[in-house]
Amino acid sequence: MKKAALVSGVISAMLGGLWLLQGLGLAHVRPILCFADCAPIQGASLTWAIVGFLMVTVGVIAIFFSVKRRAAATTQFR
């Protein structure tokens, strides 16, 4: 469970970071797979910046608690 929280936290933080950078207009990634008329996001987007920030925050919290629990568990058994 702790490893799953750590892995999901890292993935969430990285994906959220990408969304945050795209929302701020600092990173430009063209669409990879489109099923309809896909147009790349032009310029900054406040919505994606907010979603990215929230995702980074959730990812960092998940990483913190998974590492904190693991450190506490190893010190208990010593």
PDB file of N, CA and C in Angstrom:
ATOM      1  N   MET A   1       0.829  -1.201   0.000  1.00  0.00           N
ATOM      2  CA  MET A   1       0.000   0.000   0.000  1.00  0.00           C
ATOM      3  C   MET A   1       0.870   1.260   0.000  1.00  0.00           C
ATOM      4  N   LYS A   2       1.966   1.211   0.769  1.00  0.00           N
ATOM      5  CA  LYS A   2       2.840   2.381   0.837  1.00  0.00           C
ATOM      6  C   LYS A   2       3.542   2.622  -0.495  1.00  0.00           C
ATOM      7  N   LYS A   3       3.945   1.538  -1.144  1.00  0.00           N
ATOM      8  CA  LYS A   3       4.602   1.685  -2.440  1.00  0.00           C
ATOM      9  C   LYS A   3       3.635   2.222  -3.482  1.00  0.00           C
ATOM     10  N   ALA A   4       2.378   1.770  -3.423  1.00  0.00           N
ATOM     11  CA  ALA A   4       1.372   2.262  -4.368  1.00  0.00           C
ATOM     12  C   ALA A   4       1.118   3.753  -4.155  1.00  0.00           C
ATOM     13  N   ALA A   5       1.085   4.178  -2.899  1.00  0.00           N
ATOM     14  CA  ALA A   5       0.889   5.603  -2.608  1.00  0.00           C
ATOM     15  C   ALA A   5       2.080   6.416  -3.097  1.00  0.00           C
ATOM     16  N   LEU A   6       3.281   5.866  -2.942  1.00  0.00           N
ATOM     17  CA  LEU A   6       4.474   6.568  -3.398  1.00  0.00           C
ATOM     18  C   LEU A   6       4.490   6.693  -4.924  1.00  0.00           C
ATOM     19  N   VAL A   7       4.198   5.598  -5.618  1.00  0.00           N
ATOM     20  CA  VAL A   7       4.200   5.612  -7.083  1.00  0.00           C
ATOM     21  C   VAL A   7       3.114   6.540  -7.613  1.00  0.00           C
ATOM     22  N   SER A   8       1.908   6.443  -7.051  1.00  0.00           N
ATOM     23  CA  SER A   8       0.828   7.321  -7.520  1.00  0.00           C
ATOM     24  C   SER A   8       1.115   8.783  -7.186  1.00  0.00           C
ATOM     25  N   GLY A   9       1.781   9.034  -6.069  1.00  0.00           N
ATOM     26  CA  GLY A   9       2.150  10.403  -5.720  1.00  0.00           C
ATOM     27  C   GLY A   9       3.160  10.989  -6.678  1.00  0.00           C
ATOM     28  N   VAL A  10       4.150  10.173  -7.073  1.00  0.00           N
ATOM     29  CA  VAL A  10       5.160  10.643  -8.020  1.00  0.00           C
ATOM     30  C   VAL A  10       4.529  10.912  -9.386  1.00  0.00           C
ATOM     31  N   ILE A  11       3.682   9.991  -9.841  1.00  0.00           N
ATOM     32  CA  ILE A  11       3.015  10.184 -11.136  1.00  0.00           C
ATOM     33  C   ILE A  11       2.112  11.414 -11.098  1.00  0.00           C
ATOM     34  N   SER A  12       1.365  11.581 -10.009  1.00  0.00           N
ATOM     35  CA  SER A  12       0.480  12.743  -9.878  1.00  0.00           C
ATOM     36  C   SER A  12       1.264  14.049  -9.868  1.00  0.00           C
ATOM     37  N   ALA A  13       2.366  14.059  -9.157  1.00  0.00           N
ATOM     38  CA  ALA A  13       3.170  15.281  -9.082  1.00  0.00           C
ATOM     39  C   ALA A  13       3.771  15.623 -10.443  1.00  0.00           C
ATOM     40  N   MET A  14       4.246  14.612 -11.163  1.00  0.00           N
ATOM     41  CA  MET A  14       4.843  14.883 -12.473  1.00  0.00           C
ATOM     42  C   MET A  14       3.792  15.321 -13.496  1.00  0.00           C
ATOM     43  N   LEU A  15       2.658  14.639 -13.521  1.00  0.00           N
ATOM     44  CA  LEU A  15       1.591  15.016 -14.447  1.00  0.00           C
ATOM     45  C   LEU A  15       1.033  16.393 -14.097  1.00  0.00           C
ATOM     46  N   GLY A  16       0.854  16.647 -12.813  1.00  0.00           N
ATOM     47  CA  GLY A  16       0.394  17.963 -12.383  1.00  0.00           C
ATOM     48  C   GLY A  16       1.375  19.062 -12.732  1.00  0.00           C
ATOM     49  N   GLY A  17       2.666  18.759 -12.635  1.00  0.00           N
ATOM     50  CA  GLY A  17       3.681  19.731 -13.022  1.00  0.00           C
ATOM     51  C   GLY A  17       3.606  20.066 -14.496  1.00  0.00           C
ATOM     52  N   LEU A  18       3.384  19.047 -15.321  1.00  0.00           N
ATOM     53  CA  LEU A  18       3.227  19.292 -16.757  1.00  0.00           C
ATOM     54  C   LEU A  18       2.004  20.151 -17.025  1.00  0.00           C
ATOM     55  N   TRP A  19       0.883  19.822 -16.388  1.00  0.00           N
ATOM     56  CA  TRP A  19      -0.337  20.609 -16.576  1.00  0.00           C
ATOM     57  C   TRP A  19      -0.150  22.040 -16.086  1.00  0.00           C
ATOM     58  N   LEU A  20       0.557  22.200 -14.980  1.00  0.00           N
ATOM     59  CA  LEU A  20       0.805  23.544 -14.457  1.00  0.00           C
ATOM     60  C   LEU A  20       1.654  24.354 -15.432  1.00  0.00           C
ATOM     61  N   LEU A  21       2.709  23.744 -15.948  1.00  0.00           N
ATOM     62  CA  LEU A  21       3.561  24.453 -16.907  1.00  0.00           C
ATOM     63  C   LEU A  21       2.811  24.788 -18.188  1.00  0.00           C
ATOM     64  N   GLN A  22       1.971  23.869 -18.651  1.00  0.00           N
ATOM     65  CA  GLN A  22       1.173  24.153 -19.844  1.00  0.00           C
ATOM     66  C   GLN A  22       0.156  25.251 -19.561  1.00  0.00           C
ATOM     67  N   GLY A  23      -0.452  25.212 -18.387  1.00  0.00           N
ATOM     68  CA  GLY A  23      -1.436  26.229 -18.034  1.00  0.00           C
ATOM     69  C   GLY A  23      -0.834  27.615 -17.901  1.00  0.00           C
ATOM     70  N   LEU A  24       0.424  27.671 -17.471  1.00  0.00           N
ATOM     71  CA  LEU A  24       1.115  28.951 -17.353  1.00  0.00           C
ATOM     72  C   LEU A  24       1.707  29.412 -18.684  1.00  0.00           C
ATOM     73  N   GLY A  25       1.653  28.546 -19.680  1.00  0.00           N
ATOM     74  CA  GLY A  25       2.177  28.887 -20.998  1.00  0.00           C
ATOM     75  C   GLY A  25       3.681  28.710 -21.107  1.00  0.00           C
ATOM     76  N   LEU A  26       4.297  27.944 -20.194  1.00  0.00           N
ATOM     77  CA  LEU A  26       5.744  27.745 -20.202  1.00  0.00           C
ATOM     78  C   LEU A  26       6.170  26.490 -20.955  1.00  0.00           C
ATOM     79  N   ALA A  27       5.243  25.557 -21.159  1.00  0.00           N
ATOM     80  CA  ALA A  27       5.541  24.326 -21.895  1.00  0.00           C
ATOM     81  C   ALA A  27       4.495  24.146 -22.982  1.00  0.00           C
ATOM     82  N   HIS A  28       4.938  23.674 -24.132  1.00  0.00           N
ATOM     83  CA  HIS A  28       4.035  23.457 -25.256  1.00  0.00           C
ATOM     84  C   HIS A  28       4.202  22.022 -25.742  1.00  0.00           C
ATOM     85  N   VAL A  29       3.154  21.218 -25.593  1.00  0.00           N
ATOM     86  CA  VAL A  29       3.164  19.830 -26.034  1.00  0.00           C
ATOM     87  C   VAL A  29       2.021  19.663 -27.022  1.00  0.00           C
ATOM     88  N   ARG A  30       2.344  19.169 -28.196  1.00  0.00           N
ATOM     89  CA  ARG A  30       1.289  18.992 -29.192  1.00  0.00           C
ATOM     90  C   ARG A  30       0.502  17.723 -28.876  1.00  0.00           C
ATOM     91  N   PRO A  31      -0.760  17.646 -29.267  1.00  0.00           N
ATOM     92  CA  PRO A  31      -1.578  16.469 -28.991  1.00  0.00           C
ATOM     93  C   PRO A  31      -0.976  15.209 -29.620  1.00  0.00           C
ATOM     94  N   ILE A  32      -1.049  14.097 -28.897  1.00  0.00           N
ATOM     95  CA  ILE A  32      -0.483  12.843 -29.370  1.00  0.00           C
ATOM     96  C   ILE A  32      -1.551  11.993 -30.054  1.00  0.00           C
ATOM     97  N   LEU A  33      -2.696  11.876 -29.443  1.00  0.00           N
ATOM     98  CA  LEU A  33      -3.754  11.016 -29.961  1.00  0.00           C
ATOM     99  C   LEU A  33      -5.062  11.804 -29.953  1.00  0.00           C
ATOM    100  N   CYS A  34      -5.645  12.000 -31.111  1.00  0.00           N
ATOM    101  CA  CYS A  34      -6.883  12.761 -31.224  1.00  0.00           C
ATOM    102  C   CYS A  34      -7.958  11.917 -31.894  1.00  0.00           C
ATOM    103  N   PHE A  35      -9.159  11.990 -31.385  1.00  0.00           N
ATOM    104  CA  PHE A  35     -10.287  11.277 -31.966  1.00  0.00           C
ATOM    105  C   PHE A  35     -11.213  12.210 -32.737  1.00  0.00           C
ATOM    106  N   ALA A  36     -11.092  13.485 -32.494  1.00  0.00           N
ATOM    107  CA  ALA A  36     -11.917  14.487 -33.181  1.00  0.00           C
ATOM    108  C   ALA A  36     -10.981  15.606 -33.624  1.00  0.00           C
ATOM    109  N   ASP A  37     -11.522  16.751 -33.905  1.00  0.00           N
ATOM    110  CA  ASP A  37     -10.683  17.892 -34.284  1.00  0.00           C
ATOM    111  C   ASP A  37      -9.927  18.378 -33.054  1.00  0.00           C
ATOM    112  N   CYS A  38      -8.692  17.970 -32.936  1.00  0.00           N
ATOM    113  CA  CYS A  38      -7.857  18.368 -31.809  1.00  0.00           C
ATOM    114  C   CYS A  38      -7.029  19.583 -32.194  1.00  0.00           C
ATOM    115  N   ALA A  39      -7.070  20.553 -31.356  1.00  0.00           N
ATOM    116  CA  ALA A  39      -6.247  21.735 -31.562  1.00  0.00           C
ATOM    117  C   ALA A  39      -5.379  21.911 -30.324  1.00  0.00           C
ATOM    118  N   PRO A  40      -4.119  22.200 -30.485  1.00  0.00           N
ATOM    119  CA  PRO A  40      -3.270  22.418 -29.319  1.00  0.00           C
ATOM    120  C   PRO A  40      -3.725  23.656 -28.557  1.00  0.00           C
ATOM    121  N   ILE A  41      -3.476  23.641 -27.274  1.00  0.00           N
ATOM    122  CA  ILE A  41      -3.822  24.793 -26.438  1.00  0.00           C
ATOM    123  C   ILE A  41      -2.907  25.946 -26.819  1.00  0.00           C
ATOM    124  N   GLN A  42      -3.492  27.061 -27.107  1.00  0.00           N
ATOM    125  CA  GLN A  42      -2.727  28.242 -27.483  1.00  0.00           C
ATOM    126  C   GLN A  42      -2.671  29.191 -26.294  1.00  0.00           C
ATOM    127  N   GLY A  43      -1.482  29.460 -25.811  1.00  0.00           N
ATOM    128  CA  GLY A  43      -1.310  30.404 -24.717  1.00  0.00           C
ATOM    129  C   GLY A  43      -1.622  29.797 -23.367  1.00  0.00           C
ATOM    130  N   ALA A  44      -1.667  30.648 -22.380  1.00  0.00           N
ATOM    131  CA  ALA A  44      -1.902  30.218 -21.005  1.00  0.00           C
ATOM    132  C   ALA A  44      -3.378  29.909 -20.766  1.00  0.00           C
ATOM    133  N   SER A  45      -3.626  29.013 -19.807  1.00  0.00           N
ATOM    134  CA  SER A  45      -4.979  28.640 -19.440  1.00  0.00           C
ATOM    135  C   SER A  45      -5.069  28.583 -17.921  1.00  0.00           C
ATOM    136  N   LEU A  46      -5.878  29.453 -17.352  1.00  0.00           N
ATOM    137  CA  LEU A  46      -6.012  29.502 -15.900  1.00  0.00           C
ATOM    138  C   LEU A  46      -6.563  28.193 -15.350  1.00  0.00           C
ATOM    139  N   THR A  47      -7.485  27.569 -16.069  1.00  0.00           N
ATOM    140  CA  THR A  47      -8.079  26.306 -15.608  1.00  0.00           C
ATOM    141  C   THR A  47      -7.019  25.224 -15.457  1.00  0.00           C
ATOM    142  N   TRP A  48      -6.164  25.055 -16.486  1.00  0.00           N
ATOM    143  CA  TRP A  48      -5.145  24.014 -16.416  1.00  0.00           C
ATOM    144  C   TRP A  48      -4.055  24.352 -15.413  1.00  0.00           C
ATOM    145  N   ALA A  49      -3.792  25.618 -15.196  1.00  0.00           N
ATOM    146  CA  ALA A  49      -2.819  26.009 -14.171  1.00  0.00           C
ATOM    147  C   ALA A  49      -3.328  25.643 -12.782  1.00  0.00           C
ATOM    148  N   ILE A  50      -4.612  25.867 -12.536  1.00  0.00           N
ATOM    149  CA  ILE A  50      -5.196  25.536 -11.231  1.00  0.00           C
ATOM    150  C   ILE A  50      -5.249  24.031 -11.037  1.00  0.00           C
ATOM    151  N   VAL A  51      -5.702  23.305 -12.068  1.00  0.00           N
ATOM    152  CA  VAL A  51      -5.769  21.844 -11.979  1.00  0.00           C
ATOM    153  C   VAL A  51      -4.366  21.264 -11.771  1.00  0.00           C
ATOM    154  N   GLY A  52      -3.386  21.790 -12.475  1.00  0.00           N
ATOM    155  CA  GLY A  52      -2.013  21.319 -12.319  1.00  0.00           C
ATOM    156  C   GLY A  52      -1.481  21.576 -10.926  1.00  0.00           C
ATOM    157  N   PHE A  53      -1.740  22.756 -10.393  1.00  0.00           N
ATOM    158  CA  PHE A  53      -1.284  23.079  -9.041  1.00  0.00           C
ATOM    159  C   PHE A  53      -1.910  22.143  -8.012  1.00  0.00           C
ATOM    160  N   LEU A  54      -3.206  21.890  -8.152  1.00  0.00           N
ATOM    161  CA  LEU A  54      -3.878  20.980  -7.220  1.00  0.00           C
ATOM    162  C   LEU A  54      -3.327  19.559  -7.329  1.00  0.00           C
ATOM    163  N   MET A  55      -3.042  19.125  -8.552  1.00  0.00           N
ATOM    164  CA  MET A  55      -2.503  17.779  -8.760  1.00  0.00           C
ATOM    165  C   MET A  55      -1.099  17.657  -8.173  1.00  0.00           C
ATOM    166  N   VAL A  56      -0.271  18.678  -8.341  1.00  0.00           N
ATOM    167  CA  VAL A  56       1.067  18.676  -7.740  1.00  0.00           C
ATOM    168  C   VAL A  56       0.954  18.619  -6.223  1.00  0.00           C
ATOM    169  N   THR A  57       0.040  19.384  -5.666  1.00  0.00           N
ATOM    170  CA  THR A  57      -0.145  19.404  -4.218  1.00  0.00           C
ATOM    171  C   THR A  57      -0.568  18.037  -3.695  1.00  0.00           C
ATOM    172  N   VAL A  58      -1.527  17.408  -4.358  1.00  0.00           N
ATOM    173  CA  VAL A  58      -1.983  16.074  -3.947  1.00  0.00           C
ATOM    174  C   VAL A  58      -0.844  15.065  -4.072  1.00  0.00           C
ATOM    175  N   GLY A  59      -0.069  15.137  -5.142  1.00  0.00           N
ATOM    176  CA  GLY A  59       1.050  14.231  -5.337  1.00  0.00           C
ATOM    177  C   GLY A  59       2.116  14.383  -4.270  1.00  0.00           C
ATOM    178  N   VAL A  60       2.450  15.608  -3.927  1.00  0.00           N
ATOM    179  CA  VAL A  60       3.466  15.858  -2.897  1.00  0.00           C
ATOM    180  C   VAL A  60       2.974  15.385  -1.536  1.00  0.00           C
ATOM    181  N   ILE A  61       1.708  15.584  -1.233  1.00  0.00           N
ATOM    182  CA  ILE A  61       1.151  15.101   0.035  1.00  0.00           C
ATOM    183  C   ILE A  61       1.197  13.576   0.093  1.00  0.00           C
ATOM    184  N   ALA A  62       0.854  12.914  -1.010  1.00  0.00           N
ATOM    185  CA  ALA A  62       0.908  11.450  -1.055  1.00  0.00           C
ATOM    186  C   ALA A  62       2.336  10.951  -0.871  1.00  0.00           C
ATOM    187  N   ILE A  63       3.286  11.608  -1.516  1.00  0.00           N
ATOM    188  CA  ILE A  63       4.690  11.224  -1.354  1.00  0.00           C
ATOM    189  C   ILE A  63       5.139  11.422   0.090  1.00  0.00           C
ATOM    190  N   PHE A  64       4.787  12.554   0.667  1.00  0.00           N
ATOM    191  CA  PHE A  64       5.189  12.865   2.041  1.00  0.00           C
ATOM    192  C   PHE A  64       4.657  11.816   3.014  1.00  0.00           C
ATOM    193  N   PHE A  65       3.368  11.491   2.915  1.00  0.00           N
ATOM    194  CA  PHE A  65       2.802  10.535   3.859  1.00  0.00           C
ATOM    195  C   PHE A  65       3.296   9.116   3.624  1.00  0.00           C
ATOM    196  N   SER A  66       3.579   8.739   2.387  1.00  0.00           N
ATOM    197  CA  SER A  66       4.090   7.386   2.143  1.00  0.00           C
ATOM    198  C   SER A  66       5.520   7.249   2.662  1.00  0.00           C
ATOM    199  N   VAL A  67       6.331   8.288   2.513  1.00  0.00           N
ATOM    200  CA  VAL A  67       7.700   8.245   3.031  1.00  0.00           C
ATOM    201  C   VAL A  67       7.706   8.369   4.545  1.00  0.00           C
ATOM    202  N   LYS A  68       6.836   9.194   5.086  1.00  0.00           N
ATOM    203  CA  LYS A  68       6.763   9.391   6.532  1.00  0.00           C
ATOM    204  C   LYS A  68       6.357   8.096   7.225  1.00  0.00           C
ATOM    205  N   ARG A  69       5.365   7.410   6.698  1.00  0.00           N
ATOM    206  CA  ARG A  69       4.934   6.144   7.296  1.00  0.00           C
ATOM    207  C   ARG A  69       6.025   5.100   7.198  1.00  0.00           C
ATOM    208  N   ARG A  70       6.730   5.071   6.071  1.00  0.00           N
ATOM    209  CA  ARG A  70       7.796   4.086   5.882  1.00  0.00           C
ATOM    210  C   ARG A  70       8.932   4.353   6.868  1.00  0.00           C
ATOM    211  N   ALA A  71       9.293   5.605   7.095  1.00  0.00           N
ATOM    212  CA  ALA A  71      10.360   5.938   8.033  1.00  0.00           C
ATOM    213  C   ALA A  71       9.942   5.605   9.465  1.00  0.00           C
ATOM    214  N   ALA A  72       8.677   5.871   9.792  1.00  0.00           N
ATOM    215  CA  ALA A  72       8.192   5.555  11.132  1.00  0.00           C
ATOM    216  C   ALA A  72       8.145   4.043  11.364  1.00  0.00           C
ATOM    217  N   ALA A  73       7.790   3.290  10.346  1.00  0.00           N
ATOM    218  CA  ALA A  73       7.713   1.836  10.478  1.00  0.00           C
ATOM    219  C   ALA A  73       9.096   1.227  10.651  1.00  0.00           C
ATOM    220  N   THR A  74      10.102   1.762   9.982  1.00  0.00           N
ATOM    221  CA  THR A  74      11.451   1.194  10.107  1.00  0.00           C
ATOM    222  C   THR A  74      12.071   1.534  11.452  1.00  0.00           C
ATOM    223  N   THR A  75      11.742   2.678  12.022  1.00  0.00           N
ATOM    224  CA  THR A  75      12.310   3.025  13.328  1.00  0.00           C
ATOM    225  C   THR A  75      11.618   2.277  14.448  1.00  0.00           C
ATOM    226  N   GLN A  76      10.391   1.816  14.278  1.00  0.00           N
ATOM    227  CA  GLN A  76       9.694   1.056  15.311  1.00  0.00           C
ATOM    228  C   GLN A  76      10.312  -0.311  15.502  1.00  0.00           C
ATOM    229  N   PHE A  77      10.791  -0.920  14.439  1.00  0.00           N
ATOM    230  CA  PHE A  77      11.283  -2.284  14.523  1.00  0.00           C
ATOM    231  C   PHE A  77      12.755  -2.364  14.914  1.00  0.00           C
ATOM    232  N   ARG A  78      13.410  -1.288  15.126  1.00  0.00           N
ATOM    233  CA  ARG A  78      14.827  -1.306  15.506  1.00  0.00           C
ATOM    234  C   ARG A  78      14.998  -1.541  16.963  1.00  0.00           C
TER     235      ARG A  78
END
